[in-house]
Amino acid sequence: MANALAQDEMQASRARIVRAADEARERLERNLHDGAQQRLVAVSISLRLATARLPDGADEARSLLTAAAEELTHAIDDLRVLARGIHPAILTERGLGPALEVLADRTRLPVTIANDLPTRLPGPVEAAAYYVVAESLTNISKYAQASAVEVRVTRSDGIARVEVVDDGIGGADPSRGSGLRGLADRVEALDGRLGLESPVSAGTRVWAEIPLR
């Protein structure tokens, strides 16, 4: 009995840690979007207005201001990518399906999404499923030498299941790198399971099953 209580307390503690981390990521994403990003956009506009008001003959100053405005545009783009990676607003606002579509669009490989969710999942479950797919797509792009990826999301009997399958070289080793270990911690904190099947020369399948509670 005592062991069961201790296990339940540990599970609840891990879930609170995951939830707190997600909330911190959401706050940071909002701060980046509403604070630093907006100020950089305002500076970019000011630079372009200043460039337009330069007198004829100020070619050197115009060239410097134009170059500065272009670099600032690149910095804003980088900040937007960073903010999306921290915690994508679309996941909170519209749910897992649209967030996965954005991930697929940003992946260099063809990604097919089979989403069989009639309604939204609980927030922590959506976040866990999203990060399983995001980490898997990153690893596939870097290492798998795949030509196509399929993402499947289903729910049945109180369980959400997400699978990411590629047709690459396989042989993935979960002990190399902390990404999969972090995903396993997140999924297990929700009393779920994370699995990896990656036979050599036969592609890789990453899957997670998470209770809806």
Protein backbone atom coordinates (compact mmCIF):
# COMPACT_ATOMS: atom_id res chain seq x y z
CA MET A 1 0.00 0.00 0.00
CA ALA A 2 2.79 2.40 0.98
CA ASN A 3 4.66 1.63 -2.23
CA ALA A 4 1.54 2.30 -4.30
CA LEU A 5 1.02 5.65 -2.56
CA ALA A 6 4.65 6.61 -3.10
CA GLN A 7 4.37 5.71 -6.77
CA ASP A 8 1.19 7.78 -7.13
CA GLU A 9 2.87 10.73 -5.42
CA MET A 10 5.89 10.44 -7.73
CA GLN A 11 3.61 10.31 -10.78
CA ALA A 12 1.71 13.38 -9.61
CA SER A 13 4.98 15.19 -8.93
CA ARG A 14 6.29 14.46 -12.43
CA ALA A 15 3.02 15.64 -13.94
CA ARG A 16 3.26 18.92 -11.99
CA ILE A 17 6.83 19.43 -13.21
CA VAL A 18 5.78 18.90 -16.83
CA ARG A 19 2.79 21.22 -16.42
CA ALA A 20 4.93 23.93 -14.82
CA ALA A 21 7.48 23.67 -17.65
CA ASP A 22 4.71 23.99 -20.26
CA GLU A 23 3.28 27.05 -18.52
CA ALA A 24 6.75 28.63 -18.38
CA ARG A 25 7.23 27.98 -22.11
CA GLU A 26 3.87 29.57 -22.89
CA ARG A 27 4.76 32.68 -20.86
CA LEU A 28 8.13 32.96 -22.59
CA GLU A 29 6.52 32.60 -26.02
CA ARG A 30 4.01 35.34 -25.20
CA ASN A 31 6.73 37.63 -23.85
CA LEU A 32 8.84 37.15 -26.97
CA HIS A 33 5.87 37.84 -29.23
CA ASP A 34 4.35 40.75 -27.34
CA GLY A 35 7.60 42.33 -26.13
CA ALA A 36 10.88 41.89 -27.99
CA GLN A 37 9.36 40.98 -31.34
CA GLN A 38 7.02 43.99 -31.43
CA ARG A 39 9.82 46.38 -30.47
CA LEU A 40 12.05 45.00 -33.22
CA VAL A 41 9.25 45.44 -35.75
CA ALA A 42 8.86 49.07 -34.63
CA VAL A 43 12.60 49.68 -35.06
CA SER A 44 12.48 48.10 -38.53
CA ILE A 45 9.69 50.44 -39.58
CA SER A 46 11.61 53.44 -38.24
CA LEU A 47 14.69 52.45 -40.22
CA ARG A 48 12.71 52.20 -43.43
CA LEU A 49 11.05 55.57 -42.82
CA ALA A 50 14.46 57.15 -42.16
CA THR A 51 15.82 55.63 -45.38
CA ALA A 52 12.92 57.06 -47.37
CA ARG A 53 13.57 60.58 -46.00
CA LEU A 54 17.26 60.73 -46.89
CA PRO A 55 18.15 63.49 -49.36
CA ASP A 56 19.45 62.74 -52.82
CA GLY A 57 23.13 61.95 -52.83
CA ALA A 58 23.21 60.24 -49.43
CA ASP A 59 23.92 56.91 -51.06
CA GLU A 60 26.30 55.62 -48.40
CA ALA A 61 23.87 56.37 -45.56
CA ARG A 62 21.02 54.84 -47.55
CA SER A 63 23.06 51.69 -48.15
CA LEU A 64 23.90 51.37 -44.44
CA LEU A 65 20.31 51.88 -43.32
CA THR A 66 19.01 49.42 -45.90
CA ALA A 67 21.50 46.78 -44.78
CA ALA A 68 20.59 47.39 -41.13
CA ALA A 69 16.87 47.02 -41.94
CA GLU A 70 17.51 43.74 -43.78
CA GLU A 71 19.53 42.33 -40.87
CA LEU A 72 16.77 43.35 -38.48
CA THR A 73 14.22 41.54 -40.66
CA HIS A 74 16.32 38.38 -40.44
CA ALA A 75 16.54 38.77 -36.66
CA ILE A 76 12.75 39.10 -36.41
CA ASP A 77 12.31 35.97 -38.53
CA ASP A 78 14.74 34.07 -36.28
CA LEU A 79 12.88 35.25 -33.19
CA ARG A 80 9.56 34.09 -34.63
CA VAL A 81 11.01 30.64 -35.31
CA LEU A 82 12.41 30.51 -31.77
CA ALA A 83 9.07 31.53 -30.27
CA ARG A 84 7.23 28.85 -32.25
CA GLY A 85 9.72 26.25 -31.06
CA ILE A 86 9.34 27.20 -27.41
CA HIS A 87 5.59 26.69 -27.35
CA PRO A 88 3.59 27.15 -30.55
CA ALA A 89 0.63 29.46 -30.01
CA ILE A 90 -1.39 27.52 -32.57
CA LEU A 91 -1.27 24.45 -30.31
CA THR A 92 -2.93 26.37 -27.48
CA GLU A 93 -5.37 28.28 -29.65
CA ARG A 94 -6.45 25.70 -32.25
CA GLY A 95 -5.30 22.30 -31.02
CA LEU A 96 -3.13 19.42 -32.09
CA GLY A 97 -4.34 18.95 -35.67
CA PRO A 98 -3.53 22.46 -36.95
CA ALA A 99 -0.25 22.49 -34.98
CA LEU A 100 0.85 19.25 -36.65
CA GLU A 101 -0.01 20.70 -40.07
CA VAL A 102 2.37 23.58 -39.35
CA LEU A 103 5.08 21.12 -38.32
CA ALA A 104 4.57 19.19 -41.55
CA ASP A 105 4.82 22.37 -43.64
CA ARG A 106 8.12 23.25 -41.98
CA THR A 107 9.65 19.81 -42.55
CA ARG A 108 11.81 19.34 -45.64
CA LEU A 109 10.38 15.87 -46.31
CA PRO A 110 6.86 15.02 -47.49
CA VAL A 111 4.78 14.45 -44.34
CA THR A 112 1.34 12.83 -44.44
CA ILE A 113 -0.89 13.39 -41.42
CA ALA A 114 -3.72 11.00 -40.58
CA ASN A 115 -5.60 12.78 -37.80
CA ASP A 116 -8.57 10.85 -36.43
CA LEU A 117 -9.48 13.14 -33.52
CA PRO A 118 -13.12 14.23 -33.42
CA THR A 119 -12.49 16.69 -30.57
CA ARG A 120 -9.56 18.32 -28.84
CA LEU A 121 -7.47 16.41 -26.31
CA PRO A 122 -6.64 17.62 -22.79
CA GLY A 123 -3.93 20.28 -22.87
CA PRO A 124 -1.09 18.21 -21.35
CA VAL A 125 -1.87 15.32 -23.70
CA GLU A 126 -1.89 17.61 -26.74
CA ALA A 127 1.46 19.07 -25.70
CA ALA A 128 3.02 15.63 -25.18
CA ALA A 129 1.75 14.36 -28.54
CA TYR A 130 2.96 17.53 -30.28
CA TYR A 131 6.48 17.24 -28.89
CA VAL A 132 6.65 13.53 -29.77
CA VAL A 133 5.96 14.46 -33.39
CA ALA A 134 8.21 17.54 -33.37
CA GLU A 135 11.22 15.66 -31.96
CA SER A 136 10.64 12.72 -34.29
CA LEU A 137 10.48 14.94 -37.38
CA THR A 138 13.66 16.73 -36.32
CA ASN A 139 15.50 13.42 -35.90
CA ILE A 140 14.19 12.09 -39.21
CA SER A 141 15.33 15.20 -41.07
CA LYS A 142 18.81 14.97 -39.54
CA TYR A 143 19.57 11.27 -39.55
CA ALA A 144 17.04 8.98 -41.21
CA GLN A 145 17.76 9.60 -44.91
CA ALA A 146 14.02 9.10 -45.43
CA SER A 147 11.93 10.07 -48.44
CA ALA A 148 8.55 10.27 -46.68
CA VAL A 149 6.99 10.36 -43.21
CA GLU A 150 3.54 9.47 -41.94
CA VAL A 151 2.05 10.82 -38.71
CA ARG A 152 -1.02 9.07 -37.29
CA VAL A 153 -3.10 10.34 -34.38
CA THR A 154 -6.01 8.32 -32.97
CA ARG A 155 -7.98 7.91 -29.77
CA SER A 156 -9.91 4.94 -28.44
CA ASP A 157 -10.86 3.43 -25.09
CA GLY A 158 -9.62 6.49 -23.22
CA ILE A 159 -6.17 6.41 -24.84
CA ALA A 160 -4.61 8.87 -27.29
CA ARG A 161 -2.06 7.29 -29.62
CA VAL A 162 0.41 9.09 -31.85
CA GLU A 163 2.77 7.39 -34.31
CA VAL A 164 5.52 8.77 -36.53
CA VAL A 165 6.74 6.37 -39.22
CA ASP A 166 9.49 6.98 -41.78
CA ASP A 167 10.97 4.92 -44.61
CA GLY A 168 14.59 5.74 -43.81
CA ILE A 169 17.63 3.68 -42.92
CA GLY A 170 16.49 2.73 -39.41
CA GLY A 171 18.96 1.78 -36.72
CA ALA A 172 18.00 4.66 -34.42
CA ASP A 173 19.63 4.40 -30.99
CA PRO A 174 17.55 5.95 -28.18
CA SER A 175 20.62 6.09 -25.92
CA ARG A 176 22.29 8.69 -28.16
CA GLY A 177 21.02 12.14 -27.25
CA SER A 178 18.57 13.37 -24.66
CA GLY A 179 15.60 14.13 -26.93
CA LEU A 180 13.86 10.76 -26.69
CA ARG A 181 14.63 10.48 -22.97
CA GLY A 182 12.96 13.83 -22.41
CA LEU A 183 9.94 12.70 -24.44
CA ALA A 184 9.70 9.50 -22.42
CA ASP A 185 9.74 11.51 -19.17
CA ARG A 186 6.97 13.76 -20.47
CA VAL A 187 4.80 10.87 -21.64
CA GLU A 188 5.39 8.78 -18.53
CA ALA A 189 4.50 11.75 -16.33
CA LEU A 190 1.01 11.44 -17.84
CA ASP A 191 1.01 7.70 -17.08
CA GLY A 192 1.68 6.95 -20.74
CA ARG A 193 4.19 4.90 -22.71
CA LEU A 194 6.71 5.82 -25.41
CA GLY A 195 8.12 3.26 -27.82
CA LEU A 196 10.73 3.11 -30.59
CA GLU A 197 11.07 0.47 -33.29
CA SER A 198 13.96 0.99 -35.69
CA PRO A 199 15.30 -2.12 -37.42
CA VAL A 200 18.30 -1.46 -39.66
CA SER A 201 17.35 -0.65 -43.26
CA ALA A 202 13.63 -0.84 -42.44
CA GLY A 203 12.69 2.65 -41.26
CA THR A 204 11.74 3.89 -37.81
CA ARG A 205 8.47 4.03 -35.88
CA VAL A 206 8.08 6.18 -32.78
CA TRP A 207 4.82 5.84 -30.90
CA ALA A 208 3.23 7.10 -27.72
CA GLU A 209 0.09 6.05 -25.85
CA ILE A 210 -1.29 8.53 -23.33
CA PRO A 211 -4.38 8.12 -21.10
CA LEU A 212 -7.02 10.82 -21.51
CA ARG A 213 -7.50 11.86 -17.90
